[in-house]
Amino acid sequence: MLLSMLEPGDSGEIVDILGSGEIRQRLLDIGFLPGRIVSVIRYAPLGDPIEVEVMGTRVSLRLNEAALIKIRGGKGGGRRKRRRWLRFI
């Protein structure tokens, strides 16, 4: 499961950081390490970015960055549901 699939309030253990290059290294540098617990705090009103907590620090990530973080656990069973009012924008 990917971090971007979780709902606010869900948590999971980081298993792997997908991708390569600078973005992978940045995620590792700010504490997204295998074995750490990450929690989704909230999504921005339009769904991007996402605020998460890892090691007691809150970090905002774009959804494409959150999709690079593979986790175990959490209750998110799939893609987040889009808010109904977004269909009218």
N, C-alpha and C. Protein backbone atom coordinates (compact mmCIF):
# COMPACT_ATOMS: atom_id res chain seq x y z
N MET A 1 0.84 -1.17 0.00
CA MET A 1 0.00 0.00 0.00
C MET A 1 0.90 1.24 0.00
N LEU A 2 0.40 2.30 -0.59
CA LEU A 2 1.16 3.55 -0.67
C LEU A 2 0.60 4.57 0.32
N LEU A 3 1.46 5.45 0.79
CA LEU A 3 1.06 6.49 1.74
C LEU A 3 -0.08 7.35 1.19
N SER A 4 -0.09 7.59 -0.10
CA SER A 4 -1.12 8.43 -0.72
C SER A 4 -2.51 7.81 -0.67
N MET A 5 -2.62 6.53 -0.31
CA MET A 5 -3.91 5.84 -0.25
C MET A 5 -4.57 5.92 1.12
N LEU A 6 -3.86 6.41 2.12
CA LEU A 6 -4.41 6.46 3.47
C LEU A 6 -5.33 7.65 3.68
N GLU A 7 -6.24 7.50 4.61
CA GLU A 7 -7.15 8.56 5.01
C GLU A 7 -6.56 9.29 6.22
N PRO A 8 -7.00 10.51 6.49
CA PRO A 8 -6.55 11.20 7.71
C PRO A 8 -6.85 10.36 8.95
N GLY A 9 -5.87 10.27 9.84
CA GLY A 9 -5.99 9.47 11.05
C GLY A 9 -5.38 8.09 10.92
N ASP A 10 -5.13 7.61 9.70
CA ASP A 10 -4.52 6.30 9.49
C ASP A 10 -3.00 6.39 9.64
N SER A 11 -2.41 5.27 10.05
CA SER A 11 -0.95 5.18 10.22
C SER A 11 -0.46 3.89 9.59
N GLY A 12 0.82 3.85 9.32
CA GLY A 12 1.43 2.64 8.80
C GLY A 12 2.94 2.69 8.97
N GLU A 13 3.56 1.53 8.82
CA GLU A 13 5.01 1.42 8.92
C GLU A 13 5.62 1.54 7.53
N ILE A 14 6.63 2.36 7.40
CA ILE A 14 7.30 2.53 6.12
C ILE A 14 8.07 1.26 5.79
N VAL A 15 7.83 0.73 4.59
CA VAL A 15 8.50 -0.49 4.14
C VAL A 15 9.63 -0.14 3.17
N ASP A 16 9.36 0.79 2.25
CA ASP A 16 10.34 1.11 1.21
C ASP A 16 10.02 2.49 0.63
N ILE A 17 11.04 3.11 0.08
CA ILE A 17 10.88 4.35 -0.68
C ILE A 17 11.13 4.00 -2.14
N LEU A 18 10.11 4.14 -2.96
CA LEU A 18 10.22 3.82 -4.37
C LEU A 18 10.87 4.98 -5.11
N GLY A 19 11.19 4.77 -6.35
CA GLY A 19 11.79 5.83 -7.14
C GLY A 19 13.29 5.90 -6.93
N SER A 20 13.87 6.93 -7.51
CA SER A 20 15.32 7.09 -7.41
C SER A 20 15.67 8.57 -7.53
N GLY A 21 16.92 8.85 -7.34
CA GLY A 21 17.40 10.21 -7.54
C GLY A 21 17.15 11.13 -6.37
N GLU A 22 17.05 12.41 -6.69
CA GLU A 22 16.96 13.46 -5.67
C GLU A 22 15.73 13.35 -4.78
N ILE A 23 14.59 13.02 -5.36
CA ILE A 23 13.37 12.98 -4.55
C ILE A 23 13.44 11.85 -3.52
N ARG A 24 13.97 10.70 -3.91
CA ARG A 24 14.14 9.58 -2.97
C ARG A 24 15.09 9.98 -1.85
N GLN A 25 16.19 10.61 -2.21
CA GLN A 25 17.17 11.02 -1.21
C GLN A 25 16.59 12.07 -0.27
N ARG A 26 15.79 12.99 -0.79
CA ARG A 26 15.16 14.01 0.05
C ARG A 26 14.23 13.37 1.07
N LEU A 27 13.42 12.41 0.63
CA LEU A 27 12.51 11.72 1.55
C LEU A 27 13.28 10.99 2.65
N LEU A 28 14.37 10.34 2.29
CA LEU A 28 15.20 9.66 3.28
C LEU A 28 15.82 10.66 4.25
N ASP A 29 16.28 11.78 3.73
CA ASP A 29 16.94 12.80 4.56
C ASP A 29 16.00 13.41 5.61
N ILE A 30 14.73 13.55 5.28
CA ILE A 30 13.82 14.18 6.23
C ILE A 30 13.15 13.16 7.16
N GLY A 31 13.57 11.90 7.09
CA GLY A 31 13.14 10.92 8.08
C GLY A 31 12.21 9.82 7.63
N PHE A 32 11.93 9.73 6.35
CA PHE A 32 11.08 8.65 5.85
C PHE A 32 11.95 7.42 5.61
N LEU A 33 12.24 6.72 6.71
CA LEU A 33 13.13 5.57 6.68
C LEU A 33 12.33 4.29 6.93
N PRO A 34 12.73 3.18 6.31
CA PRO A 34 12.04 1.91 6.57
C PRO A 34 12.00 1.60 8.07
N GLY A 35 10.83 1.14 8.52
CA GLY A 35 10.64 0.81 9.93
C GLY A 35 9.99 1.92 10.74
N ARG A 36 10.00 3.14 10.24
CA ARG A 36 9.39 4.27 10.95
C ARG A 36 7.88 4.26 10.73
N ILE A 37 7.16 4.78 11.71
CA ILE A 37 5.70 4.89 11.62
C ILE A 37 5.35 6.28 11.08
N VAL A 38 4.47 6.31 10.09
CA VAL A 38 4.02 7.57 9.50
C VAL A 38 2.50 7.64 9.64
N SER A 39 1.99 8.82 9.99
CA SER A 39 0.55 9.04 10.17
C SER A 39 0.09 10.16 9.25
N VAL A 40 -1.08 9.97 8.66
CA VAL A 40 -1.68 11.03 7.84
C VAL A 40 -2.46 11.94 8.77
N ILE A 41 -2.14 13.22 8.74
CA ILE A 41 -2.83 14.21 9.56
C ILE A 41 -4.03 14.78 8.82
N ARG A 42 -3.81 15.30 7.63
CA ARG A 42 -4.91 15.86 6.84
C ARG A 42 -4.47 16.09 5.40
N TYR A 43 -5.48 16.27 4.56
CA TYR A 43 -5.27 16.65 3.17
C TYR A 43 -5.67 18.10 3.02
N ALA A 44 -5.06 18.79 2.10
CA ALA A 44 -5.45 20.17 1.78
C ALA A 44 -6.87 20.14 1.20
N PRO A 45 -7.58 21.25 1.22
CA PRO A 45 -8.96 21.27 0.74
C PRO A 45 -9.16 20.71 -0.67
N LEU A 46 -8.20 20.89 -1.55
CA LEU A 46 -8.33 20.34 -2.90
C LEU A 46 -7.63 18.99 -3.06
N GLY A 47 -7.16 18.42 -1.95
CA GLY A 47 -6.59 17.08 -1.98
C GLY A 47 -5.08 17.00 -2.14
N ASP A 48 -4.41 18.09 -2.36
CA ASP A 48 -2.96 18.08 -2.56
C ASP A 48 -2.43 19.42 -2.07
N PRO A 49 -1.50 19.48 -1.16
CA PRO A 49 -0.65 18.43 -0.60
C PRO A 49 -1.31 17.70 0.58
N ILE A 50 -0.56 16.77 1.13
CA ILE A 50 -0.97 15.95 2.26
C ILE A 50 -0.04 16.26 3.43
N GLU A 51 -0.60 16.40 4.63
CA GLU A 51 0.23 16.63 5.82
C GLU A 51 0.36 15.31 6.57
N VAL A 52 1.61 14.90 6.83
CA VAL A 52 1.88 13.65 7.53
C VAL A 52 2.81 13.91 8.71
N GLU A 53 2.83 12.96 9.63
CA GLU A 53 3.73 13.06 10.78
C GLU A 53 4.63 11.84 10.80
N VAL A 54 5.94 12.08 10.89
CA VAL A 54 6.93 11.01 11.00
C VAL A 54 7.95 11.46 12.03
N MET A 55 8.25 10.60 12.99
CA MET A 55 9.21 10.89 14.06
C MET A 55 8.84 12.17 14.83
N GLY A 56 7.55 12.43 15.02
CA GLY A 56 7.12 13.60 15.77
C GLY A 56 7.18 14.90 15.00
N THR A 57 7.52 14.85 13.73
CA THR A 57 7.62 16.04 12.89
C THR A 57 6.55 16.00 11.81
N ARG A 58 5.86 17.11 11.62
CA ARG A 58 4.86 17.19 10.57
C ARG A 58 5.48 17.73 9.29
N VAL A 59 5.15 17.06 8.19
CA VAL A 59 5.73 17.39 6.89
C VAL A 59 4.60 17.41 5.87
N SER A 60 4.64 18.36 4.94
CA SER A 60 3.69 18.39 3.83
C SER A 60 4.36 17.79 2.60
N LEU A 61 3.65 16.88 1.95
CA LEU A 61 4.14 16.22 0.75
C LEU A 61 3.12 16.36 -0.36
N ARG A 62 3.58 16.46 -1.58
CA ARG A 62 2.69 16.39 -2.73
C ARG A 62 2.22 14.94 -2.85
N LEU A 63 1.08 14.72 -3.46
CA LEU A 63 0.57 13.36 -3.60
C LEU A 63 1.52 12.48 -4.41
N ASN A 64 2.19 13.06 -5.41
CA ASN A 64 3.12 12.24 -6.19
C ASN A 64 4.32 11.82 -5.36
N GLU A 65 4.70 12.61 -4.35
CA GLU A 65 5.77 12.22 -3.44
C GLU A 65 5.27 11.16 -2.46
N ALA A 66 4.05 11.33 -1.95
CA ALA A 66 3.48 10.35 -1.02
C ALA A 66 3.28 9.00 -1.71
N ALA A 67 3.06 9.01 -3.02
CA ALA A 67 2.88 7.77 -3.76
C ALA A 67 4.18 6.98 -3.90
N LEU A 68 5.30 7.57 -3.54
CA LEU A 68 6.59 6.87 -3.58
C LEU A 68 6.90 6.15 -2.28
N ILE A 69 6.07 6.33 -1.26
CA ILE A 69 6.34 5.75 0.06
C ILE A 69 5.44 4.53 0.26
N LYS A 70 6.06 3.37 0.25
CA LYS A 70 5.34 2.11 0.41
C LYS A 70 5.24 1.80 1.90
N ILE A 71 4.02 1.50 2.36
CA ILE A 71 3.80 1.25 3.78
C ILE A 71 3.08 -0.07 4.01
N ARG A 72 3.16 -0.52 5.27
CA ARG A 72 2.43 -1.72 5.71
C ARG A 72 1.49 -1.27 6.82
N GLY A 73 0.26 -1.76 6.78
CA GLY A 73 -0.72 -1.38 7.80
C GLY A 73 -1.62 -0.28 7.29
N GLY A 74 -2.34 0.33 8.20
CA GLY A 74 -3.28 1.37 7.81
C GLY A 74 -4.60 0.76 7.38
N LYS A 75 -5.63 1.58 7.31
CA LYS A 75 -6.96 1.10 6.97
C LYS A 75 -7.36 1.47 5.55
N GLY A 76 -6.57 2.29 4.88
CA GLY A 76 -6.93 2.73 3.54
C GLY A 76 -6.97 1.55 2.59
N GLY A 77 -8.13 1.25 2.04
CA GLY A 77 -8.26 0.07 1.21
C GLY A 77 -8.02 0.33 -0.26
N GLY A 78 -7.76 1.51 -0.64
CA GLY A 78 -7.57 1.83 -2.05
C GLY A 78 -7.39 3.31 -2.21
N ARG A 79 -7.80 3.80 -3.36
CA ARG A 79 -7.66 5.23 -3.60
C ARG A 79 -8.60 6.02 -2.71
N ARG A 80 -8.14 7.21 -2.31
CA ARG A 80 -8.99 8.10 -1.53
C ARG A 80 -10.18 8.50 -2.38
N LYS A 81 -11.30 8.64 -1.74
CA LYS A 81 -12.49 9.12 -2.44
C LYS A 81 -12.35 10.63 -2.61
N ARG A 82 -12.66 11.08 -3.79
CA ARG A 82 -12.64 12.53 -4.03
C ARG A 82 -13.87 13.14 -3.39
N ARG A 83 -13.71 14.28 -2.86
CA ARG A 83 -14.86 14.96 -2.26
C ARG A 83 -15.87 15.29 -3.36
N ARG A 84 -17.12 15.16 -3.01
CA ARG A 84 -18.18 15.32 -3.99
C ARG A 84 -18.15 16.66 -4.70
N TRP A 85 -17.87 17.73 -3.97
CA TRP A 85 -17.90 19.06 -4.57
C TRP A 85 -16.78 19.29 -5.57
N LEU A 86 -15.74 18.46 -5.56
CA LEU A 86 -14.65 18.65 -6.53
C LEU A 86 -15.12 18.39 -7.96
N ARG A 87 -16.17 17.61 -8.12
CA ARG A 87 -16.66 17.33 -9.47
C ARG A 87 -17.21 18.57 -10.16
N PHE A 88 -17.53 19.59 -9.38
CA PHE A 88 -18.14 20.78 -9.95
C PHE A 88 -17.15 21.90 -10.22
N ILE A 89 -15.89 21.66 -9.93
CA ILE A 89 -14.88 22.71 -10.15
C ILE A 89 -14.37 22.65 -11.56
